[in-house]
Amino acid sequence: MKLTKQRKVYLGVLAVGLVALVIDRAFLGGGGVSPSSAEGAVIPPVKAPAGAMSPQQPNVSIADRLAAATEAANASELKDAFRPSDAWLAQLRPSADRPAVAPLDLAQSFSQRHRLMGVMLQTGGGKAIVDDRCMAVGEKMDGFTLVAVEKNSAVFTCGDSRAELKLPQAPPPAADD
């Protein structure tokens, strides 16, 4: 067996671990737990709530124990651990001074944030230059995928949202008088 550098490192780590174990057990007292040392850490038994079954009852299924625990506690007093607090829910509800927020139109937001600067039509779908970035069909930007490049526009989709970026119209040439 050839000792590679990796195997030498593994053997070195193993040797250091064994030396540390020997020093711990032989010179530092080991800290092992024996039955006599465990007797000092006796935990007093906890009383179960009234009506709950004790865990020592033989042949009682977990379903029966859970049913008994549910009957012992009033189910209407139990709170839903995943329900947001009433203060948070109040902030989410629209009020007279704070109208409800209209849902965000992803396609419109995407169209407002980005500018189409150029297109190049090719047989494989073409390329579009959006915000100084050259993109091929199939590439993504802000979660939208470029699906088509047309003569004066580029079409992006994200789920059901469809955004079309159009090339800016060049101003008409000035008339010379």
N, C-alpha and C. Protein backbone atom coordinates (compact mmCIF):
# COMPACT_ATOMS: atom_id res chain seq x y z
N MET A 1 0.85 -1.17 0.00
CA MET A 1 0.00 0.00 0.00
C MET A 1 0.89 1.23 0.00
N LYS A 2 0.65 2.10 -0.94
CA LYS A 2 1.45 3.31 -1.08
C LYS A 2 0.86 4.40 -0.18
N LEU A 3 1.72 5.04 0.60
CA LEU A 3 1.26 6.12 1.48
C LEU A 3 1.30 7.44 0.72
N THR A 4 0.14 7.87 0.29
CA THR A 4 0.05 9.15 -0.39
C THR A 4 0.04 10.26 0.65
N LYS A 5 0.12 11.48 0.19
CA LYS A 5 0.11 12.63 1.09
C LYS A 5 -1.21 12.66 1.89
N GLN A 6 -2.32 12.35 1.23
CA GLN A 6 -3.62 12.35 1.90
C GLN A 6 -3.66 11.28 2.99
N ARG A 7 -3.16 10.10 2.72
CA ARG A 7 -3.17 9.04 3.73
C ARG A 7 -2.25 9.38 4.90
N LYS A 8 -1.13 10.04 4.62
CA LYS A 8 -0.23 10.46 5.70
C LYS A 8 -0.93 11.47 6.61
N VAL A 9 -1.70 12.37 6.02
CA VAL A 9 -2.44 13.35 6.83
C VAL A 9 -3.47 12.63 7.69
N TYR A 10 -4.21 11.67 7.11
CA TYR A 10 -5.18 10.91 7.88
C TYR A 10 -4.52 10.16 9.04
N LEU A 11 -3.40 9.53 8.78
CA LEU A 11 -2.69 8.82 9.84
C LEU A 11 -2.21 9.78 10.92
N GLY A 12 -1.74 10.96 10.54
CA GLY A 12 -1.31 11.95 11.51
C GLY A 12 -2.46 12.40 12.40
N VAL A 13 -3.62 12.65 11.81
CA VAL A 13 -4.79 13.06 12.59
C VAL A 13 -5.22 11.94 13.52
N LEU A 14 -5.20 10.70 13.03
CA LEU A 14 -5.56 9.55 13.86
C LEU A 14 -4.59 9.41 15.04
N ALA A 15 -3.30 9.59 14.78
CA ALA A 15 -2.30 9.48 15.84
C ALA A 15 -2.50 10.57 16.89
N VAL A 16 -2.77 11.80 16.47
CA VAL A 16 -3.00 12.88 17.42
C VAL A 16 -4.24 12.58 18.26
N GLY A 17 -5.30 12.05 17.65
CA GLY A 17 -6.51 11.70 18.40
C GLY A 17 -6.26 10.62 19.42
N LEU A 18 -5.49 9.59 19.03
CA LEU A 18 -5.17 8.51 19.98
C LEU A 18 -4.33 9.00 21.13
N VAL A 19 -3.35 9.86 20.86
CA VAL A 19 -2.51 10.41 21.93
C VAL A 19 -3.37 11.25 22.88
N ALA A 20 -4.28 12.06 22.34
CA ALA A 20 -5.16 12.87 23.18
C ALA A 20 -6.06 11.99 24.04
N LEU A 21 -6.55 10.89 23.50
CA LEU A 21 -7.40 9.97 24.26
C LEU A 21 -6.61 9.33 25.41
N VAL A 22 -5.39 8.88 25.12
CA VAL A 22 -4.56 8.25 26.16
C VAL A 22 -4.25 9.25 27.26
N ILE A 23 -3.90 10.48 26.90
CA ILE A 23 -3.58 11.49 27.92
C ILE A 23 -4.82 11.80 28.75
N ASP A 24 -5.97 11.90 28.12
CA ASP A 24 -7.20 12.21 28.83
C ASP A 24 -7.54 11.10 29.83
N ARG A 25 -7.49 9.86 29.39
CA ARG A 25 -7.87 8.75 30.26
C ARG A 25 -6.83 8.48 31.34
N ALA A 26 -5.56 8.56 31.00
CA ALA A 26 -4.52 8.16 31.95
C ALA A 26 -4.16 9.27 32.93
N PHE A 27 -4.08 10.51 32.47
CA PHE A 27 -3.55 11.57 33.32
C PHE A 27 -4.59 12.57 33.81
N LEU A 28 -5.65 12.78 33.07
CA LEU A 28 -6.62 13.82 33.42
C LEU A 28 -7.86 13.27 34.11
N GLY A 29 -7.95 12.03 34.35
CA GLY A 29 -9.07 11.47 35.10
C GLY A 29 -10.22 11.01 34.22
N GLY A 30 -10.17 11.23 32.97
CA GLY A 30 -11.12 10.63 32.04
C GLY A 30 -12.52 11.18 32.05
N GLY A 31 -13.08 11.56 33.14
CA GLY A 31 -14.44 12.06 33.16
C GLY A 31 -15.47 11.04 32.75
N GLY A 32 -15.18 9.77 32.92
CA GLY A 32 -16.13 8.74 32.53
C GLY A 32 -17.32 8.71 33.47
N VAL A 33 -18.44 8.26 33.00
CA VAL A 33 -19.64 8.17 33.82
C VAL A 33 -19.80 6.73 34.25
N SER A 34 -19.79 6.54 35.54
CA SER A 34 -20.00 5.21 36.09
C SER A 34 -21.33 5.21 36.83
N PRO A 35 -21.85 4.05 37.15
CA PRO A 35 -23.12 4.01 37.88
C PRO A 35 -23.06 4.77 39.20
N SER A 36 -21.91 4.76 39.88
CA SER A 36 -21.83 5.45 41.16
C SER A 36 -21.86 6.96 40.97
N SER A 37 -21.27 7.48 39.88
CA SER A 37 -21.31 8.93 39.67
C SER A 37 -22.66 9.39 39.13
N ALA A 38 -23.39 8.49 38.52
CA ALA A 38 -24.68 8.86 37.98
C ALA A 38 -25.75 8.92 39.06
N GLU A 39 -25.51 8.32 40.22
CA GLU A 39 -26.50 8.33 41.29
C GLU A 39 -26.73 9.73 41.83
N GLY A 40 -25.72 10.59 41.77
CA GLY A 40 -25.87 11.94 42.30
C GLY A 40 -26.77 12.80 41.43
N ALA A 41 -27.03 12.41 40.22
CA ALA A 41 -27.82 13.22 39.30
C ALA A 41 -29.21 12.65 39.13
N VAL A 42 -29.85 12.27 40.22
CA VAL A 42 -31.19 11.71 40.15
C VAL A 42 -32.17 12.84 39.91
N ILE A 43 -33.00 12.69 38.91
CA ILE A 43 -34.00 13.69 38.59
C ILE A 43 -35.31 13.24 39.19
N PRO A 44 -35.96 14.10 39.96
CA PRO A 44 -37.22 13.69 40.59
C PRO A 44 -38.29 13.50 39.52
N PRO A 45 -39.20 12.55 39.70
CA PRO A 45 -40.25 12.31 38.72
C PRO A 45 -41.21 13.50 38.67
N VAL A 46 -41.74 13.76 37.47
CA VAL A 46 -42.69 14.84 37.27
C VAL A 46 -44.09 14.25 37.25
N LYS A 47 -45.02 14.89 37.95
CA LYS A 47 -46.39 14.40 37.97
C LYS A 47 -47.07 14.74 36.65
N ALA A 48 -47.79 13.78 36.13
CA ALA A 48 -48.55 13.99 34.90
C ALA A 48 -49.81 14.77 35.23
N PRO A 49 -50.32 15.55 34.26
CA PRO A 49 -51.57 16.28 34.51
C PRO A 49 -52.71 15.31 34.81
N ALA A 50 -53.70 15.82 35.50
CA ALA A 50 -54.83 14.98 35.87
C ALA A 50 -55.51 14.44 34.62
N GLY A 51 -55.80 13.19 34.60
CA GLY A 51 -56.48 12.58 33.46
C GLY A 51 -55.54 12.01 32.42
N ALA A 52 -54.27 12.38 32.47
CA ALA A 52 -53.32 11.86 31.49
C ALA A 52 -52.86 10.48 31.94
N MET A 53 -52.61 9.63 30.99
CA MET A 53 -52.16 8.27 31.32
C MET A 53 -50.68 8.29 31.65
N SER A 54 -50.27 7.44 32.52
CA SER A 54 -48.85 7.36 32.85
C SER A 54 -48.13 6.54 31.80
N PRO A 55 -46.87 6.85 31.52
CA PRO A 55 -46.16 6.12 30.48
C PRO A 55 -45.83 4.68 30.87
N GLN A 56 -46.01 4.31 32.14
CA GLN A 56 -45.67 2.96 32.55
C GLN A 56 -46.77 1.96 32.25
N GLN A 57 -47.94 2.41 31.79
CA GLN A 57 -49.02 1.47 31.52
C GLN A 57 -48.64 0.63 30.31
N PRO A 58 -48.67 -0.68 30.45
CA PRO A 58 -48.28 -1.54 29.33
C PRO A 58 -49.37 -1.61 28.26
N ASN A 59 -48.93 -1.84 27.03
CA ASN A 59 -49.82 -2.08 25.88
C ASN A 59 -50.81 -0.95 25.62
N VAL A 60 -50.42 0.27 25.86
CA VAL A 60 -51.26 1.42 25.54
C VAL A 60 -50.62 2.12 24.35
N SER A 61 -51.38 2.24 23.28
CA SER A 61 -50.82 2.83 22.07
C SER A 61 -50.63 4.34 22.23
N ILE A 62 -49.79 4.88 21.37
CA ILE A 62 -49.53 6.33 21.41
C ILE A 62 -50.80 7.09 21.05
N ALA A 63 -51.62 6.54 20.17
CA ALA A 63 -52.88 7.20 19.79
C ALA A 63 -53.80 7.33 20.99
N ASP A 64 -53.86 6.27 21.82
CA ASP A 64 -54.70 6.32 23.02
C ASP A 64 -54.16 7.36 24.00
N ARG A 65 -52.83 7.43 24.13
CA ARG A 65 -52.23 8.41 25.04
C ARG A 65 -52.49 9.84 24.57
N LEU A 66 -52.38 10.06 23.25
CA LEU A 66 -52.65 11.40 22.73
C LEU A 66 -54.11 11.78 22.89
N ALA A 67 -55.00 10.83 22.68
CA ALA A 67 -56.43 11.10 22.87
C ALA A 67 -56.73 11.46 24.31
N ALA A 68 -56.11 10.75 25.24
CA ALA A 68 -56.32 11.04 26.66
C ALA A 68 -55.76 12.41 27.02
N ALA A 69 -54.61 12.78 26.46
CA ALA A 69 -54.02 14.08 26.75
C ALA A 69 -54.88 15.20 26.18
N THR A 70 -55.48 14.98 25.01
CA THR A 70 -56.34 15.98 24.40
C THR A 70 -57.61 16.17 25.20
N GLU A 71 -58.16 15.07 25.71
CA GLU A 71 -59.36 15.16 26.53
C GLU A 71 -59.07 15.87 27.84
N ALA A 72 -57.88 15.69 28.38
CA ALA A 72 -57.52 16.31 29.65
C ALA A 72 -57.40 17.82 29.48
N ALA A 73 -56.87 18.29 28.36
CA ALA A 73 -56.74 19.72 28.11
C ALA A 73 -57.94 20.18 27.31
N ASN A 74 -58.46 21.33 27.64
CA ASN A 74 -59.59 21.88 26.91
C ASN A 74 -59.08 22.35 25.55
N ALA A 75 -59.56 21.75 24.48
CA ALA A 75 -59.07 22.03 23.14
C ALA A 75 -59.32 23.48 22.73
N SER A 76 -60.36 24.12 23.26
CA SER A 76 -60.63 25.51 22.89
C SER A 76 -59.61 26.46 23.51
N GLU A 77 -58.94 26.04 24.57
CA GLU A 77 -57.93 26.89 25.21
C GLU A 77 -56.57 26.78 24.54
N LEU A 78 -56.36 25.76 23.71
CA LEU A 78 -55.07 25.59 23.05
C LEU A 78 -54.94 26.59 21.91
N LYS A 79 -53.76 27.22 21.81
CA LYS A 79 -53.52 28.21 20.77
C LYS A 79 -52.80 27.55 19.60
N ASP A 80 -53.04 28.09 18.43
CA ASP A 80 -52.34 27.64 17.23
C ASP A 80 -50.94 28.25 17.26
N ALA A 81 -49.93 27.42 17.28
CA ALA A 81 -48.56 27.90 17.39
C ALA A 81 -48.10 28.64 16.14
N PHE A 82 -48.75 28.42 15.01
CA PHE A 82 -48.32 29.03 13.76
C PHE A 82 -49.16 30.24 13.36
N ARG A 83 -50.10 30.64 14.20
CA ARG A 83 -50.95 31.79 13.89
C ARG A 83 -50.20 33.07 14.25
N PRO A 84 -50.16 34.05 13.33
CA PRO A 84 -49.49 35.32 13.66
C PRO A 84 -50.25 36.05 14.75
N SER A 85 -49.56 36.92 15.45
CA SER A 85 -50.20 37.65 16.54
C SER A 85 -51.24 38.61 15.98
N ASP A 86 -52.18 39.03 16.85
CA ASP A 86 -53.23 39.95 16.43
C ASP A 86 -52.65 41.30 16.00
N ALA A 87 -51.54 41.72 16.60
CA ALA A 87 -50.91 42.99 16.21
C ALA A 87 -50.42 42.93 14.77
N TRP A 88 -49.85 41.81 14.36
CA TRP A 88 -49.39 41.67 12.97
C TRP A 88 -50.57 41.64 12.02
N LEU A 89 -51.61 40.91 12.39
CA LEU A 89 -52.78 40.83 11.52
C LEU A 89 -53.45 42.19 11.36
N ALA A 90 -53.45 43.00 12.41
CA ALA A 90 -54.04 44.34 12.33
C ALA A 90 -53.26 45.21 11.36
N GLN A 91 -51.95 45.05 11.28
CA GLN A 91 -51.14 45.83 10.36
C GLN A 91 -51.42 45.43 8.91
N LEU A 92 -51.83 44.21 8.67
CA LEU A 92 -52.08 43.74 7.31
C LEU A 92 -53.45 44.13 6.79
N ARG A 93 -54.40 44.36 7.70
CA ARG A 93 -55.76 44.69 7.27
C ARG A 93 -55.80 46.14 6.78
N PRO A 94 -56.50 46.39 5.66
CA PRO A 94 -56.62 47.78 5.20
C PRO A 94 -57.50 48.57 6.15
N SER A 95 -57.18 49.83 6.32
CA SER A 95 -57.98 50.70 7.18
C SER A 95 -58.34 51.95 6.39
N ALA A 96 -59.09 52.86 7.01
CA ALA A 96 -59.54 54.07 6.33
C ALA A 96 -58.36 54.96 5.94
N ASP A 97 -57.37 55.05 6.81
CA ASP A 97 -56.21 55.91 6.51
C ASP A 97 -55.16 55.21 5.65
N ARG A 98 -55.27 53.90 5.50
CA ARG A 98 -54.31 53.14 4.68
C ARG A 98 -55.10 52.24 3.74
N PRO A 99 -55.26 52.63 2.47
CA PRO A 99 -56.05 51.81 1.55
C PRO A 99 -55.33 50.51 1.21
N ALA A 100 -56.09 49.56 0.70
CA ALA A 100 -55.52 48.28 0.30
C ALA A 100 -54.56 48.48 -0.86
N VAL A 101 -53.47 47.73 -0.87
CA VAL A 101 -52.47 47.84 -1.91
C VAL A 101 -52.89 46.98 -3.10
N ALA A 102 -52.82 47.57 -4.29
CA ALA A 102 -53.18 46.82 -5.50
C ALA A 102 -52.11 45.78 -5.77
N PRO A 103 -52.48 44.63 -6.30
CA PRO A 103 -51.47 43.61 -6.59
C PRO A 103 -50.48 44.12 -7.63
N LEU A 104 -49.25 43.70 -7.50
CA LEU A 104 -48.17 44.15 -8.37
C LEU A 104 -48.24 43.40 -9.70
N ASP A 105 -48.18 44.15 -10.78
CA ASP A 105 -48.15 43.55 -12.11
C ASP A 105 -46.68 43.32 -12.46
N LEU A 106 -46.25 42.06 -12.45
CA LEU A 106 -44.85 41.73 -12.66
C LEU A 106 -44.35 42.17 -14.03
N ALA A 107 -45.17 41.96 -15.05
CA ALA A 107 -44.74 42.31 -16.41
C ALA A 107 -44.56 43.82 -16.54
N GLN A 108 -45.46 44.59 -15.98
CA GLN A 108 -45.36 46.04 -16.07
C GLN A 108 -44.14 46.53 -15.28
N SER A 109 -43.92 45.95 -14.12
CA SER A 109 -42.75 46.31 -13.32
C SER A 109 -41.46 45.99 -14.06
N PHE A 110 -41.40 44.82 -14.71
CA PHE A 110 -40.22 44.42 -15.46
C PHE A 110 -40.00 45.39 -16.62
N SER A 111 -41.06 45.76 -17.33
CA SER A 111 -40.95 46.66 -18.47
C SER A 111 -40.47 48.05 -18.05
N GLN A 112 -40.86 48.49 -16.86
CA GLN A 112 -40.44 49.80 -16.38
C GLN A 112 -38.98 49.81 -15.94
N ARG A 113 -38.48 48.69 -15.43
CA ARG A 113 -37.11 48.63 -14.92
C ARG A 113 -36.06 48.44 -16.00
N HIS A 114 -36.43 47.86 -17.14
CA HIS A 114 -35.44 47.50 -18.15
C HIS A 114 -35.70 48.21 -19.47
N ARG A 115 -34.63 48.41 -20.24
CA ARG A 115 -34.71 49.10 -21.52
C ARG A 115 -34.06 48.26 -22.61
N LEU A 116 -34.78 48.04 -23.69
CA LEU A 116 -34.25 47.32 -24.84
C LEU A 116 -33.43 48.30 -25.67
N MET A 117 -32.17 47.93 -25.92
CA MET A 117 -31.26 48.84 -26.63
C MET A 117 -30.97 48.37 -28.05
N GLY A 118 -31.19 47.09 -28.34
CA GLY A 118 -30.92 46.59 -29.68
C GLY A 118 -31.35 45.15 -29.82
N VAL A 119 -31.59 44.72 -31.07
CA VAL A 119 -31.94 43.33 -31.35
C VAL A 119 -31.12 42.84 -32.53
N MET A 120 -30.90 41.54 -32.58
CA MET A 120 -30.21 40.91 -33.69
C MET A 120 -30.97 39.62 -34.00
N LEU A 121 -31.58 39.57 -35.15
CA LEU A 121 -32.37 38.40 -35.53
C LEU A 121 -31.45 37.32 -36.08
N GLN A 122 -31.65 36.08 -35.62
CA GLN A 122 -30.89 34.93 -36.09
C GLN A 122 -31.84 33.76 -36.23
N THR A 123 -31.37 32.72 -36.90
CA THR A 123 -32.23 31.54 -37.06
C THR A 123 -32.45 30.82 -35.73
N GLY A 124 -31.52 30.91 -34.78
CA GLY A 124 -31.67 30.24 -33.49
C GLY A 124 -32.49 31.03 -32.51
N GLY A 125 -33.15 32.11 -32.93
CA GLY A 125 -33.98 32.88 -32.03
C GLY A 125 -33.53 34.32 -31.89
N GLY A 126 -32.27 34.58 -32.09
CA GLY A 126 -31.79 35.95 -32.03
C GLY A 126 -31.24 36.34 -30.67
N LYS A 127 -30.79 37.59 -30.62
CA LYS A 127 -30.23 38.14 -29.39
C LYS A 127 -30.83 39.51 -29.15
N ALA A 128 -30.87 39.89 -27.88
CA ALA A 128 -31.39 41.20 -27.50
C ALA A 128 -30.40 41.84 -26.54
N ILE A 129 -30.21 43.15 -26.70
CA ILE A 129 -29.36 43.89 -25.76
C ILE A 129 -30.29 44.64 -24.83
N VAL A 130 -30.30 44.20 -23.57
CA VAL A 130 -31.17 44.79 -22.54
C VAL A 130 -30.28 45.35 -21.45
N ASP A 131 -30.40 46.66 -21.22
CA ASP A 131 -29.60 47.33 -20.18
C ASP A 131 -28.12 47.01 -20.32
N ASP A 132 -27.58 47.14 -21.51
CA ASP A 132 -26.16 46.90 -21.80
C ASP A 132 -25.75 45.44 -21.63
N ARG A 133 -26.69 44.53 -21.61
CA ARG A 133 -26.38 43.10 -21.47
C ARG A 133 -26.91 42.36 -22.69
N CYS A 134 -26.04 41.64 -23.38
CA CYS A 134 -26.45 40.87 -24.55
C CYS A 134 -27.02 39.53 -24.08
N MET A 135 -28.27 39.26 -24.49
CA MET A 135 -28.96 38.05 -24.04
C MET A 135 -29.41 37.22 -25.24
N ALA A 136 -29.27 35.92 -25.12
CA ALA A 136 -29.78 34.99 -26.13
C ALA A 136 -31.12 34.45 -25.66
N VAL A 137 -31.91 33.94 -26.60
CA VAL A 137 -33.20 33.35 -26.24
C VAL A 137 -32.97 32.21 -25.25
N GLY A 138 -33.74 32.22 -24.17
CA GLY A 138 -33.62 31.20 -23.13
C GLY A 138 -32.92 31.72 -21.88
N GLU A 139 -32.21 32.85 -21.97
CA GLU A 139 -31.53 33.40 -20.79
C GLU A 139 -32.53 34.12 -19.91
N LYS A 140 -32.17 34.26 -18.62
CA LYS A 140 -33.07 34.86 -17.64
C LYS A 140 -32.52 36.18 -17.13
N MET A 141 -33.46 37.07 -16.78
CA MET A 141 -33.13 38.34 -16.16
C MET A 141 -34.26 38.66 -15.18
N ASP A 142 -33.94 38.82 -13.92
CA ASP A 142 -34.92 39.14 -12.88
C ASP A 142 -36.10 38.17 -12.86
N GLY A 143 -35.84 36.89 -13.13
CA GLY A 143 -36.89 35.88 -13.10
C GLY A 143 -37.64 35.73 -14.41
N PHE A 144 -37.47 36.64 -15.35
CA PHE A 144 -38.12 36.56 -16.65
C PHE A 144 -37.17 35.91 -17.65
N THR A 145 -37.72 35.08 -18.53
CA THR A 145 -36.95 34.38 -19.55
C THR A 145 -37.21 35.01 -20.90
N LEU A 146 -36.13 35.29 -21.64
CA LEU A 146 -36.27 35.81 -23.00
C LEU A 146 -36.75 34.66 -23.89
N VAL A 147 -37.97 34.82 -24.48
CA VAL A 147 -38.54 33.73 -25.27
C VAL A 147 -38.56 34.03 -26.76
N ALA A 148 -38.50 35.31 -27.14
CA ALA A 148 -38.54 35.64 -28.57
C ALA A 148 -37.90 36.99 -28.80
N VAL A 149 -37.23 37.09 -29.95
CA VAL A 149 -36.66 38.36 -30.39
C VAL A 149 -37.31 38.67 -31.73
N GLU A 150 -37.94 39.84 -31.81
CA GLU A 150 -38.61 40.26 -33.03
C GLU A 150 -37.89 41.48 -33.60
N LYS A 151 -38.41 42.01 -34.72
CA LYS A 151 -37.74 43.08 -35.44
C LYS A 151 -37.50 44.31 -34.56
N ASN A 152 -38.48 44.70 -33.75
CA ASN A 152 -38.37 45.90 -32.92
C ASN A 152 -38.64 45.64 -31.45
N SER A 153 -38.63 44.36 -31.02
CA SER A 153 -38.97 44.08 -29.62
C SER A 153 -38.38 42.75 -29.16
N ALA A 154 -38.45 42.56 -27.86
CA ALA A 154 -38.03 41.30 -27.24
C ALA A 154 -39.12 40.90 -26.26
N VAL A 155 -39.48 39.62 -26.25
CA VAL A 155 -40.57 39.13 -25.42
C VAL A 155 -40.00 38.28 -24.29
N PHE A 156 -40.41 38.60 -23.05
CA PHE A 156 -39.99 37.89 -21.85
C PHE A 156 -41.22 37.31 -21.18
N THR A 157 -41.06 36.14 -20.54
CA THR A 157 -42.15 35.55 -19.77
C THR A 157 -41.65 35.10 -18.41
N CYS A 158 -42.57 35.13 -17.46
CA CYS A 158 -42.32 34.61 -16.11
C CYS A 158 -43.64 34.03 -15.64
N GLY A 159 -43.78 32.72 -15.73
CA GLY A 159 -45.06 32.09 -15.38
C GLY A 159 -46.12 32.54 -16.38
N ASP A 160 -47.20 33.15 -15.87
CA ASP A 160 -48.27 33.64 -16.74
C ASP A 160 -48.03 35.07 -17.19
N SER A 161 -47.03 35.74 -16.63
CA SER A 161 -46.76 37.14 -16.98
C SER A 161 -45.95 37.21 -18.26
N ARG A 162 -46.32 38.18 -19.11
CA ARG A 162 -45.63 38.37 -20.39
C ARG A 162 -45.27 39.84 -20.50
N ALA A 163 -43.98 40.10 -20.71
CA ALA A 163 -43.50 41.48 -20.87
C ALA A 163 -42.84 41.61 -22.22
N GLU A 164 -43.16 42.69 -22.92
CA GLU A 164 -42.56 42.95 -24.22
C GLU A 164 -41.83 44.29 -24.14
N LEU A 165 -40.53 44.24 -24.36
CA LEU A 165 -39.73 45.46 -24.39
C LEU A 165 -39.59 45.87 -25.85
N LYS A 166 -39.85 47.15 -26.12
CA LYS A 166 -39.77 47.64 -27.49
C LYS A 166 -38.58 48.57 -27.64
N LEU A 167 -38.03 48.57 -28.85
CA LEU A 167 -36.94 49.49 -29.15
C LEU A 167 -37.49 50.91 -29.14
N PRO A 168 -36.71 51.86 -28.62
CA PRO A 168 -37.19 53.25 -28.67
C PRO A 168 -37.27 53.72 -30.11
N GLN A 169 -38.30 54.50 -30.42
CA GLN A 169 -38.49 55.01 -31.75
C GLN A 169 -37.50 56.14 -32.01
N ALA A 170 -36.84 56.10 -33.13
CA ALA A 170 -35.91 57.16 -33.49
C ALA A 170 -36.71 58.40 -33.88
N PRO A 171 -36.25 59.59 -33.46
CA PRO A 171 -36.99 60.79 -33.82
C PRO A 171 -36.93 61.01 -35.35
N PRO A 172 -37.98 61.58 -35.91
CA PRO A 172 -37.96 61.79 -37.36
C PRO A 172 -36.84 62.78 -37.73
N PRO A 173 -36.26 62.62 -38.92
CA PRO A 173 -35.19 63.52 -39.30
C PRO A 173 -35.70 64.95 -39.42
N ALA A 174 -34.87 65.86 -39.02
CA ALA A 174 -35.24 67.28 -39.06
C ALA A 174 -35.27 67.74 -40.53
N ALA A 175 -36.28 68.53 -40.85
CA ALA A 175 -36.42 69.03 -42.22
C ALA A 175 -35.44 70.19 -42.43
N ASP A 176 -34.68 70.14 -43.52
CA ASP A 176 -33.74 71.21 -43.83
C ASP A 176 -34.46 72.24 -44.71
N ASP A 177 -34.44 73.48 -44.29
CA ASP A 177 -35.06 74.54 -45.08
C ASP A 177 -34.05 75.34 -45.81
